[in-house]
Amino acid sequence: MDASKDQPWTPPADWTTEHRLIWDLGFFGHYMHCNMGGRSGKRRILTRLAKHGGSMDQRTLQESFDIKSGSLSEVLAKLESEGFVERRRSEEDARKLVVVLTPAGTERAQEYQRESQEFERNALSCLSLEERAALLETLDRLIDHWNDLEPLGGTSSTERKGE
């Protein structure tokens, strides 16, 4: 057995505080991406459909994730083969495809929503309410600063809060 796996990872001694912060932010992003279903993975698609009453037209679903139609079609094909969604022609406009959750898809989406809620309850439980508020304020300032440095079409902390 490799004893080094039992030891917590420590950064190299020559890393600056800035390097360590950037690395940590990257870790958090990767962790969230992997554990919350990625940007437009099966998990997110199922939960998005559930939040919209169990169905959405495919174009609206695609636009809500800002992904290419081919990428969405690939994920939907996998979800169809697993029995979680069906694609049907719209009754109002036969040119449109509507993506509909099956009963199994609804059940899986509910499982994912419960898991996400549990993660949100536990993810920051090591921080006090005051520490969480301070972290949120700090991250909001950092987002605004990064958008000032190089806007990527993102939103400011004020816009995200709906202010």
C-alpha atoms as a PDB file:
ATOM      1  CA  MET A   1       0.000   0.000   0.000  1.00  0.00           C
ATOM      2  CA  ASP A   2       1.240   3.486  -0.860  1.00  0.00           C
ATOM      3  CA  ALA A   3       1.628   5.429   2.400  1.00  0.00           C
ATOM      4  CA  SER A   4       1.708   8.735   0.535  1.00  0.00           C
ATOM      5  CA  LYS A   5      -1.990   8.332  -0.324  1.00  0.00           C
ATOM      6  CA  ASP A   6      -2.797   8.484   3.390  1.00  0.00           C
ATOM      7  CA  GLN A   7      -1.108  11.848   3.755  1.00  0.00           C
ATOM      8  CA  PRO A   8      -2.851  15.094   2.789  1.00  0.00           C
ATOM      9  CA  TRP A   9      -1.436  16.800  -0.279  1.00  0.00           C
ATOM     10  CA  THR A  10       0.765  19.788   0.449  1.00  0.00           C
ATOM     11  CA  PRO A  11       1.820  22.332  -2.143  1.00  0.00           C
ATOM     12  CA  PRO A  12       5.469  22.712  -3.071  1.00  0.00           C
ATOM     13  CA  ALA A  13       7.348  25.083  -0.773  1.00  0.00           C
ATOM     14  CA  ASP A  14       8.154  27.482  -3.624  1.00  0.00           C
ATOM     15  CA  TRP A  15       4.506  28.213  -4.469  1.00  0.00           C
ATOM     16  CA  THR A  16       3.438  31.771  -3.831  1.00  0.00           C
ATOM     17  CA  THR A  17       0.192  32.542  -2.054  1.00  0.00           C
ATOM     18  CA  GLU A  18      -1.249  33.682  -5.385  1.00  0.00           C
ATOM     19  CA  HIS A  19      -0.255  30.431  -7.097  1.00  0.00           C
ATOM     20  CA  ARG A  20      -1.797  28.408  -4.293  1.00  0.00           C
ATOM     21  CA  LEU A  21      -5.064  30.412  -4.427  1.00  0.00           C
ATOM     22  CA  ILE A  22      -5.339  29.962  -8.194  1.00  0.00           C
ATOM     23  CA  TRP A  23      -4.612  26.242  -7.855  1.00  0.00           C
ATOM     24  CA  ASP A  24      -7.229  25.919  -5.091  1.00  0.00           C
ATOM     25  CA  LEU A  25      -9.828  27.752  -7.185  1.00  0.00           C
ATOM     26  CA  GLY A  26      -9.071  25.365 -10.049  1.00  0.00           C
ATOM     27  CA  PHE A  27      -9.534  22.413  -7.704  1.00  0.00           C
ATOM     28  CA  PHE A  28     -12.902  23.756  -6.567  1.00  0.00           C
ATOM     29  CA  GLY A  29     -14.005  24.280 -10.162  1.00  0.00           C
ATOM     30  CA  HIS A  30     -12.966  20.761 -11.148  1.00  0.00           C
ATOM     31  CA  TYR A  31     -14.586  19.278  -8.052  1.00  0.00           C
ATOM     32  CA  MET A  32     -17.863  21.083  -8.691  1.00  0.00           C
ATOM     33  CA  HIS A  33     -17.804  20.157 -12.379  1.00  0.00           C
ATOM     34  CA  CYS A  34     -17.305  16.470 -11.615  1.00  0.00           C
ATOM     35  CA  ASN A  35     -19.675  16.258  -8.665  1.00  0.00           C
ATOM     36  CA  MET A  36     -22.486  18.427  -9.983  1.00  0.00           C
ATOM     37  CA  GLY A  37     -22.889  16.845 -13.407  1.00  0.00           C
ATOM     38  CA  GLY A  38     -20.649  18.952 -15.577  1.00  0.00           C
ATOM     39  CA  ARG A  39     -21.700  21.859 -17.722  1.00  0.00           C
ATOM     40  CA  SER A  40     -24.324  20.048 -19.751  1.00  0.00           C
ATOM     41  CA  GLY A  41     -24.177  16.404 -18.751  1.00  0.00           C
ATOM     42  CA  LYS A  42     -26.976  13.951 -18.257  1.00  0.00           C
ATOM     43  CA  ARG A  43     -27.486  14.965 -14.641  1.00  0.00           C
ATOM     44  CA  ARG A  44     -27.972  18.648 -15.453  1.00  0.00           C
ATOM     45  CA  ILE A  45     -30.245  17.937 -18.397  1.00  0.00           C
ATOM     46  CA  LEU A  46     -32.517  15.697 -16.329  1.00  0.00           C
ATOM     47  CA  THR A  47     -32.752  18.204 -13.486  1.00  0.00           C
ATOM     48  CA  ARG A  48     -33.358  21.100 -15.902  1.00  0.00           C
ATOM     49  CA  LEU A  49     -36.227  19.160 -17.487  1.00  0.00           C
ATOM     50  CA  ALA A  50     -37.671  18.355 -14.067  1.00  0.00           C
ATOM     51  CA  LYS A  51     -37.559  22.016 -13.060  1.00  0.00           C
ATOM     52  CA  HIS A  52     -39.504  22.857 -16.241  1.00  0.00           C
ATOM     53  CA  GLY A  53     -42.391  20.494 -15.612  1.00  0.00           C
ATOM     54  CA  GLY A  54     -40.809  17.456 -17.230  1.00  0.00           C
ATOM     55  CA  SER A  55     -40.536  18.708 -20.804  1.00  0.00           C
ATOM     56  CA  MET A  56     -38.884  21.373 -22.940  1.00  0.00           C
ATOM     57  CA  ASP A  57     -38.456  21.835 -26.627  1.00  0.00           C
ATOM     58  CA  GLN A  58     -34.993  20.732 -27.677  1.00  0.00           C
ATOM     59  CA  ARG A  59     -33.932  24.160 -28.981  1.00  0.00           C
ATOM     60  CA  THR A  60     -34.824  25.869 -25.664  1.00  0.00           C
ATOM     61  CA  LEU A  61     -32.990  23.150 -23.760  1.00  0.00           C
ATOM     62  CA  GLN A  62     -29.943  23.632 -25.980  1.00  0.00           C
ATOM     63  CA  GLU A  63     -29.975  27.403 -25.516  1.00  0.00           C
ATOM     64  CA  SER A  64     -30.318  27.078 -21.741  1.00  0.00           C
ATOM     65  CA  PHE A  65     -26.954  25.281 -21.677  1.00  0.00           C
ATOM     66  CA  ASP A  66     -25.344  27.268 -24.504  1.00  0.00           C
ATOM     67  CA  ILE A  67     -24.048  24.121 -26.216  1.00  0.00           C
ATOM     68  CA  LYS A  68     -24.007  22.914 -29.808  1.00  0.00           C
ATOM     69  CA  SER A  69     -27.005  20.982 -31.075  1.00  0.00           C
ATOM     70  CA  GLY A  70     -24.834  17.964 -31.895  1.00  0.00           C
ATOM     71  CA  SER A  71     -23.509  17.821 -28.337  1.00  0.00           C
ATOM     72  CA  LEU A  72     -27.005  17.977 -26.889  1.00  0.00           C
ATOM     73  CA  SER A  73     -28.259  15.343 -29.359  1.00  0.00           C
ATOM     74  CA  GLU A  74     -25.485  13.003 -28.274  1.00  0.00           C
ATOM     75  CA  VAL A  75     -26.397  13.339 -24.585  1.00  0.00           C
ATOM     76  CA  LEU A  76     -30.110  13.016 -25.333  1.00  0.00           C
ATOM     77  CA  ALA A  77     -29.475   9.833 -27.341  1.00  0.00           C
ATOM     78  CA  LYS A  78     -27.742   8.338 -24.296  1.00  0.00           C
ATOM     79  CA  LEU A  79     -30.596   9.420 -22.026  1.00  0.00           C
ATOM     80  CA  GLU A  80     -33.102   7.896 -24.453  1.00  0.00           C
ATOM     81  CA  SER A  81     -31.206   4.595 -24.570  1.00  0.00           C
ATOM     82  CA  GLU A  82     -31.224   4.530 -20.756  1.00  0.00           C
ATOM     83  CA  GLY A  83     -34.991   5.116 -20.747  1.00  0.00           C
ATOM     84  CA  PHE A  84     -34.860   8.526 -19.040  1.00  0.00           C
ATOM     85  CA  VAL A  85     -36.214  10.751 -21.828  1.00  0.00           C
ATOM     86  CA  GLU A  86     -38.221  10.565 -25.018  1.00  0.00           C
ATOM     87  CA  ARG A  87     -38.119  12.964 -27.940  1.00  0.00           C
ATOM     88  CA  ARG A  88     -41.446  13.726 -29.568  1.00  0.00           C
ATOM     89  CA  ARG A  89     -42.684  16.085 -32.251  1.00  0.00           C
ATOM     90  CA  SER A  90     -44.389  19.172 -30.871  1.00  0.00           C
ATOM     91  CA  GLU A  91     -48.164  19.146 -31.250  1.00  0.00           C
ATOM     92  CA  GLU A  92     -48.113  22.916 -31.893  1.00  0.00           C
ATOM     93  CA  ASP A  93     -45.236  22.914 -34.371  1.00  0.00           C
ATOM     94  CA  ALA A  94     -44.205  19.632 -36.000  1.00  0.00           C
ATOM     95  CA  ARG A  95     -40.791  21.116 -36.860  1.00  0.00           C
ATOM     96  CA  LYS A  96     -39.895  21.185 -33.144  1.00  0.00           C
ATOM     97  CA  LEU A  97     -38.746  18.286 -31.002  1.00  0.00           C
ATOM     98  CA  VAL A  98     -39.879  18.178 -27.394  1.00  0.00           C
ATOM     99  CA  VAL A  99     -37.777  16.353 -24.826  1.00  0.00           C
ATOM    100  CA  VAL A 100     -39.940  14.651 -22.205  1.00  0.00           C
ATOM    101  CA  LEU A 101     -38.915  12.929 -18.999  1.00  0.00           C
ATOM    102  CA  THR A 102     -40.070   9.348 -18.619  1.00  0.00           C
ATOM    103  CA  PRO A 103     -41.174   8.118 -15.169  1.00  0.00           C
ATOM    104  CA  ALA A 104     -37.670   6.652 -14.734  1.00  0.00           C
ATOM    105  CA  GLY A 105     -36.158   9.982 -15.807  1.00  0.00           C
ATOM    106  CA  THR A 106     -38.335  11.866 -13.329  1.00  0.00           C
ATOM    107  CA  GLU A 107     -37.228   9.519 -10.563  1.00  0.00           C
ATOM    108  CA  ARG A 108     -33.551   9.906 -11.507  1.00  0.00           C
ATOM    109  CA  ALA A 109     -33.902  13.718 -11.698  1.00  0.00           C
ATOM    110  CA  GLN A 110     -35.410  13.729  -8.206  1.00  0.00           C
ATOM    111  CA  GLU A 111     -32.496  11.635  -6.943  1.00  0.00           C
ATOM    112  CA  TYR A 112     -30.062  14.108  -8.490  1.00  0.00           C
ATOM    113  CA  GLN A 113     -31.915  17.059  -6.944  1.00  0.00           C
ATOM    114  CA  ARG A 114     -31.797  15.406  -3.508  1.00  0.00           C
ATOM    115  CA  GLU A 115     -28.073  14.718  -3.928  1.00  0.00           C
ATOM    116  CA  SER A 116     -27.444  18.334  -4.957  1.00  0.00           C
ATOM    117  CA  GLN A 117     -29.393  19.654  -1.984  1.00  0.00           C
ATOM    118  CA  GLU A 118     -27.452  17.362   0.333  1.00  0.00           C
ATOM    119  CA  PHE A 119     -24.168  18.519  -1.199  1.00  0.00           C
ATOM    120  CA  GLU A 120     -25.170  22.178  -0.759  1.00  0.00           C
ATOM    121  CA  ARG A 121     -26.082  21.532   2.886  1.00  0.00           C
ATOM    122  CA  ASN A 122     -22.776  19.810   3.603  1.00  0.00           C
ATOM    123  CA  ALA A 123     -20.251  21.487   1.285  1.00  0.00           C
ATOM    124  CA  LEU A 124     -19.692  24.534   3.477  1.00  0.00           C
ATOM    125  CA  SER A 125     -20.640  23.036   6.835  1.00  0.00           C
ATOM    126  CA  CYS A 126     -17.066  23.455   8.073  1.00  0.00           C
ATOM    127  CA  LEU A 127     -17.551  27.248   7.919  1.00  0.00           C
ATOM    128  CA  SER A 128     -19.574  29.377  10.320  1.00  0.00           C
ATOM    129  CA  LEU A 129     -22.348  31.591   8.941  1.00  0.00           C
ATOM    130  CA  GLU A 130     -20.020  34.591   9.307  1.00  0.00           C
ATOM    131  CA  GLU A 131     -17.223  32.809   7.438  1.00  0.00           C
ATOM    132  CA  ARG A 132     -19.630  31.872   4.636  1.00  0.00           C
ATOM    133  CA  ALA A 133     -20.791  35.485   4.311  1.00  0.00           C
ATOM    134  CA  ALA A 134     -17.184  36.710   4.244  1.00  0.00           C
ATOM    135  CA  LEU A 135     -16.222  34.090   1.644  1.00  0.00           C
ATOM    136  CA  LEU A 136     -19.189  35.068  -0.532  1.00  0.00           C
ATOM    137  CA  GLU A 137     -18.234  38.730  -0.333  1.00  0.00           C
ATOM    138  CA  THR A 138     -14.631  37.925  -1.217  1.00  0.00           C
ATOM    139  CA  LEU A 139     -15.608  35.712  -4.162  1.00  0.00           C
ATOM    140  CA  ASP A 140     -18.034  38.363  -5.453  1.00  0.00           C
ATOM    141  CA  ARG A 141     -15.226  40.946  -5.387  1.00  0.00           C
ATOM    142  CA  LEU A 142     -12.938  38.524  -7.186  1.00  0.00           C
ATOM    143  CA  ILE A 143     -15.559  37.844  -9.902  1.00  0.00           C
ATOM    144  CA  ASP A 144     -16.061  41.554 -10.454  1.00  0.00           C
ATOM    145  CA  HIS A 145     -12.277  42.101 -10.601  1.00  0.00           C
ATOM    146  CA  TRP A 146     -11.746  39.249 -13.065  1.00  0.00           C
ATOM    147  CA  ASN A 147     -14.569  40.558 -15.259  1.00  0.00           C
ATOM    148  CA  ASP A 148     -12.852  43.961 -15.230  1.00  0.00           C
ATOM    149  CA  LEU A 149      -9.566  42.320 -16.249  1.00  0.00           C
ATOM    150  CA  GLU A 150     -11.064  40.266 -19.065  1.00  0.00           C
ATOM    151  CA  PRO A 151     -14.821  39.989 -19.423  1.00  0.00           C
ATOM    152  CA  LEU A 152     -15.889  36.594 -20.718  1.00  0.00           C
ATOM    153  CA  GLY A 153     -19.532  37.428 -21.188  1.00  0.00           C
ATOM    154  CA  GLY A 154     -20.151  36.586 -17.565  1.00  0.00           C
ATOM    155  CA  THR A 155     -22.213  38.524 -15.110  1.00  0.00           C
ATOM    156  CA  SER A 156     -21.199  40.742 -12.256  1.00  0.00           C
ATOM    157  CA  SER A 157     -21.971  39.727  -8.692  1.00  0.00           C
ATOM    158  CA  THR A 158     -24.770  42.332  -8.691  1.00  0.00           C
ATOM    159  CA  GLU A 159     -26.342  40.849 -11.834  1.00  0.00           C
ATOM    160  CA  ARG A 160     -26.141  37.300 -10.426  1.00  0.00           C
ATOM    161  CA  LYS A 161     -27.961  38.417  -7.281  1.00  0.00           C
ATOM    162  CA  GLY A 162     -30.729  40.018  -9.341  1.00  0.00           C
ATOM    163  CA  GLU A 163     -30.072  43.504  -8.014  1.00  0.00           C
END
